[in-house]
Amino acid sequence: MSADSVRVDGPIGPLEAIFEGPETDAVAQPVVAVICHPLSTEGGSLHNKVVTMTARALRESGVATVRFNFRSVGASVGSFDHGEGESDDLAAVVAEARQRFPGYELWLAGFSFGAYVAIRNARRLDAKYLISIAPPVGRSWDFKALELPQCPWLIIQGDADEIVDPAKVYDWVESLQGLAEPPELVKVPETTHFFHRRLMDLRGVIKHSIKRYLPGA
């Protein structure tokens, strides 16, 4: 499937999204992954390099992907809503993905603010796998109040992150080890928040970590 730029009916108006199928040389999997971008008010969008590399790694693994802009970004209407309205945006995009890929497993992924939105909605949207890249623990969002996922969960954190405090992320992950499905944490050494010069490392971590969870594995 080639890239398909669409307008999804969002809760307050159209949302801009790009649907892409697996790479042509990959074994197609019955999985669609919806990927959430970083903070809208600081330039985050579906074109962010971490988001596009995450999508690439998934497509190379046989997964269909959806990147989309939260309200207020690009052609998506509305105003920034601190994760509340963005959660409704995500639900609308997931509904569209399920309509386009009936019977497929839903996976969620997110980077920074997008990681927070994906985490807080993983259970209610019945995600079967979750990827959280540099979740913004210790910043403006309450991670202690989250309804935690009940699915396999990969957390990727750069050791030299200048925006999200890695120590706070590691302490938070440690507090989750009592879960029935505790997350897998991968620390990427000498890596900043936006994975400058480490995007290929991010790609490799994702491709390696998801292998055993692909339905066709």
Protein backbone atom coordinates (compact mmCIF):
# COMPACT_ATOMS: atom_id res chain seq x y z
CA MET A 1 0.00 0.00 0.00
CA SER A 2 1.33 3.44 -0.89
CA ALA A 3 1.10 6.44 1.42
CA ASP A 4 -2.46 7.74 1.61
CA SER A 5 -3.01 11.26 2.96
CA VAL A 6 -6.55 11.58 4.30
CA ARG A 7 -8.80 13.73 6.44
CA VAL A 8 -10.27 11.83 9.38
CA ASP A 9 -13.51 13.03 10.98
CA GLY A 10 -12.31 14.19 14.39
CA PRO A 11 -14.40 15.13 17.42
CA ILE A 12 -14.32 18.84 16.54
CA GLY A 13 -13.44 18.72 12.84
CA PRO A 14 -11.05 17.18 10.31
CA LEU A 15 -7.74 15.64 11.37
CA GLU A 16 -4.83 15.25 8.97
CA ALA A 17 -3.47 11.70 8.75
CA ILE A 18 -1.18 9.56 6.60
CA PHE A 19 -1.91 5.84 6.23
CA GLU A 20 0.93 3.67 4.93
CA GLY A 21 1.17 -0.04 4.29
CA PRO A 22 4.13 -2.33 5.00
CA GLU A 23 7.29 -2.08 2.93
CA THR A 24 7.01 -4.16 -0.22
CA ASP A 25 9.81 -6.53 0.81
CA ALA A 26 8.38 -7.15 4.30
CA VAL A 27 6.10 -10.01 5.32
CA ALA A 28 2.77 -8.25 5.87
CA GLN A 29 1.34 -8.59 9.37
CA PRO A 30 -2.31 -8.17 10.44
CA VAL A 31 -1.31 -5.16 12.56
CA VAL A 32 -1.96 -1.42 12.23
CA ALA A 33 0.04 0.96 14.43
CA VAL A 34 -1.14 4.51 15.19
CA ILE A 35 1.72 6.85 16.12
CA CYS A 36 1.33 10.04 18.21
CA HIS A 37 3.63 13.03 17.73
CA PRO A 38 5.37 15.26 20.33
CA LEU A 39 4.10 18.49 21.83
CA SER A 40 1.94 20.50 19.44
CA THR A 41 2.92 23.85 20.95
CA GLU A 42 6.64 23.17 20.40
CA GLY A 43 6.52 22.18 16.74
CA GLY A 44 5.49 18.54 17.07
CA SER A 45 3.80 17.02 14.03
CA LEU A 46 3.38 13.82 12.05
CA HIS A 47 6.54 14.81 10.14
CA ASN A 48 8.76 14.71 13.25
CA LYS A 49 11.87 12.62 12.54
CA VAL A 50 11.40 10.31 15.54
CA VAL A 51 7.79 9.71 14.48
CA THR A 52 8.71 9.01 10.87
CA MET A 53 11.56 6.69 11.88
CA THR A 54 9.24 4.81 14.22
CA ALA A 55 6.79 4.38 11.35
CA ARG A 56 9.58 3.23 9.06
CA ALA A 57 10.77 0.59 11.52
CA LEU A 58 7.23 -0.73 11.88
CA ARG A 59 6.59 -0.82 8.12
CA GLU A 60 9.88 -2.65 7.58
CA SER A 61 8.54 -5.21 10.05
CA GLY A 62 5.34 -5.72 8.05
CA VAL A 63 3.07 -3.39 10.03
CA ALA A 64 0.72 -0.81 8.48
CA THR A 65 1.14 2.62 10.09
CA VAL A 66 -0.89 5.75 10.70
CA ARG A 67 0.71 9.10 11.49
CA PHE A 68 -1.61 11.98 12.24
CA ASN A 69 -1.65 15.55 13.45
CA PHE A 70 -3.36 16.38 16.72
CA ARG A 71 -5.82 19.28 16.75
CA SER A 72 -4.16 22.65 16.02
CA VAL A 73 -1.32 21.10 13.99
CA GLY A 74 -1.05 21.26 10.19
CA ALA A 75 -4.46 20.77 8.59
CA SER A 76 -6.03 19.46 11.82
CA VAL A 77 -8.51 21.96 13.24
CA GLY A 78 -8.88 23.06 16.86
CA SER A 79 -6.71 24.29 19.73
CA PHE A 80 -4.17 22.54 21.92
CA ASP A 81 -5.95 20.80 24.82
CA HIS A 82 -3.15 19.46 27.09
CA GLY A 83 -3.86 15.81 26.27
CA GLU A 84 -7.62 15.78 26.88
CA GLY A 85 -8.87 16.67 23.41
CA GLU A 86 -5.85 14.95 21.89
CA SER A 87 -7.05 11.71 23.48
CA ASP A 88 -10.34 12.13 21.61
CA ASP A 89 -8.38 12.83 18.42
CA LEU A 90 -6.49 9.58 18.88
CA ALA A 91 -9.73 7.66 19.41
CA ALA A 92 -11.13 9.07 16.15
CA VAL A 93 -8.03 8.08 14.20
CA VAL A 94 -8.08 4.60 15.75
CA ALA A 95 -11.72 4.19 14.69
CA GLU A 96 -10.76 5.10 11.12
CA ALA A 97 -7.82 2.69 11.21
CA ARG A 98 -10.04 -0.14 12.40
CA GLN A 99 -12.50 0.58 9.60
CA ARG A 100 -9.72 0.49 7.02
CA PHE A 101 -8.01 -2.58 8.52
CA PRO A 102 -10.81 -4.79 9.88
CA GLY A 103 -9.60 -7.63 12.08
CA TYR A 104 -6.11 -6.19 12.49
CA GLU A 105 -4.44 -5.86 15.88
CA LEU A 106 -4.16 -2.27 17.07
CA TRP A 107 -0.75 -1.11 18.25
CA LEU A 108 -0.09 2.36 19.65
CA ALA A 109 3.16 4.32 19.68
CA GLY A 110 4.07 7.80 20.82
CA PHE A 111 7.03 10.11 21.24
CA SER A 112 7.32 12.53 24.18
CA PHE A 113 3.89 14.20 24.63
CA GLY A 114 2.57 11.66 22.13
CA ALA A 115 3.83 8.88 24.40
CA TYR A 116 1.75 10.30 27.24
CA VAL A 117 -1.39 10.41 25.07
CA ALA A 118 -0.83 6.85 23.82
CA ILE A 119 -0.20 5.48 27.32
CA ARG A 120 -3.31 7.08 28.84
CA ASN A 121 -5.51 5.61 26.08
CA ALA A 122 -3.95 2.19 25.49
CA ARG A 123 -6.33 0.30 27.75
CA ARG A 124 -9.56 2.00 26.67
CA LEU A 125 -8.66 1.56 23.00
CA ASP A 126 -7.69 -2.09 23.58
CA ALA A 127 -4.17 -1.77 22.20
CA LYS A 128 -2.32 -5.07 21.85
CA TYR A 129 1.16 -3.51 21.97
CA LEU A 130 2.52 -0.14 23.07
CA ILE A 131 5.72 1.73 22.21
CA SER A 132 6.62 4.75 24.39
CA ILE A 133 9.61 6.85 23.31
CA ALA A 134 10.93 9.40 25.83
CA PRO A 135 7.70 9.58 27.87
CA PRO A 136 7.61 13.01 29.57
CA VAL A 137 7.66 11.79 33.16
CA GLY A 138 8.16 14.64 35.63
CA ARG A 139 6.91 17.33 33.28
CA SER A 140 3.39 18.78 33.00
CA TRP A 141 1.40 15.54 32.92
CA ASP A 142 0.39 13.30 35.81
CA PHE A 143 1.74 9.82 35.15
CA LYS A 144 0.66 8.58 38.58
CA ALA A 145 -3.02 8.99 37.66
CA LEU A 146 -2.80 7.03 34.41
CA GLU A 147 -4.88 3.94 33.78
CA LEU A 148 -1.98 1.69 32.91
CA PRO A 149 -1.84 -0.52 29.81
CA GLN A 150 -2.51 -4.25 30.01
CA CYS A 151 -0.49 -5.24 26.97
CA PRO A 152 3.16 -5.81 26.10
CA TRP A 153 4.91 -2.47 26.36
CA LEU A 154 8.26 -1.14 25.10
CA ILE A 155 9.76 2.03 26.61
CA ILE A 156 12.76 3.60 24.87
CA GLN A 157 14.73 6.34 26.64
CA GLY A 158 17.86 8.22 25.64
CA ASP A 159 20.46 8.44 28.41
CA ALA A 160 21.41 12.01 27.49
CA ASP A 161 17.88 13.39 27.10
CA GLU A 162 17.99 17.13 27.75
CA ILE A 163 14.19 17.62 27.88
CA VAL A 164 12.91 14.57 29.79
CA ASP A 165 14.94 13.59 32.87
CA PRO A 166 16.08 10.00 32.22
CA ALA A 167 16.37 9.28 35.96
CA LYS A 168 12.70 10.11 36.47
CA VAL A 169 11.74 7.83 33.61
CA TYR A 170 13.84 5.00 35.03
CA ASP A 171 12.34 5.43 38.52
CA TRP A 172 8.84 5.44 37.05
CA VAL A 173 9.53 2.28 35.05
CA GLU A 174 10.87 0.62 38.20
CA SER A 175 7.58 1.43 39.93
CA LEU A 176 5.74 -0.48 37.19
CA GLN A 177 7.55 -3.77 37.66
CA GLY A 178 4.69 -5.17 39.74
CA LEU A 179 2.33 -5.05 36.77
CA ALA A 180 1.12 -8.34 35.31
CA GLU A 181 2.71 -7.14 32.04
CA PRO A 182 5.64 -4.92 33.15
CA PRO A 183 7.20 -2.78 30.43
CA GLU A 184 10.48 -3.56 28.71
CA LEU A 185 12.89 -0.62 29.11
CA VAL A 186 15.63 0.00 26.57
CA LYS A 187 18.17 2.70 27.46
CA VAL A 188 19.95 4.19 24.46
CA PRO A 189 23.37 5.56 25.54
CA GLU A 190 24.60 9.02 24.55
CA THR A 191 21.23 9.85 23.04
CA THR A 192 19.35 13.16 23.26
CA HIS A 193 15.60 13.72 23.30
CA PHE A 194 15.29 13.90 19.53
CA PHE A 195 17.75 11.04 18.91
CA HIS A 196 20.15 13.27 16.95
CA ARG A 197 22.56 10.98 15.07
CA ARG A 198 20.89 8.01 16.78
CA LEU A 199 17.77 7.55 14.67
CA MET A 200 19.12 4.35 13.14
CA ASP A 201 19.71 3.03 16.65
CA LEU A 202 16.05 3.79 17.43
CA ARG A 203 15.01 1.91 14.29
CA GLY A 204 17.06 -1.09 15.35
CA VAL A 205 15.68 -1.15 18.89
CA ILE A 206 12.11 -1.09 17.62
CA LYS A 207 12.61 -3.77 14.97
CA HIS A 208 14.43 -6.07 17.39
CA SER A 209 12.00 -5.61 20.29
CA ILE A 210 8.74 -6.11 18.40
CA LYS A 211 9.75 -9.30 16.57
CA ARG A 212 8.34 -11.74 19.08
CA TYR A 213 5.02 -9.89 19.31
CA LEU A 214 4.20 -9.90 15.60
CA PRO A 215 1.25 -12.25 14.96
CA GLY A 216 3.12 -13.99 12.17
CA ALA A 217 6.31 -14.50 14.18
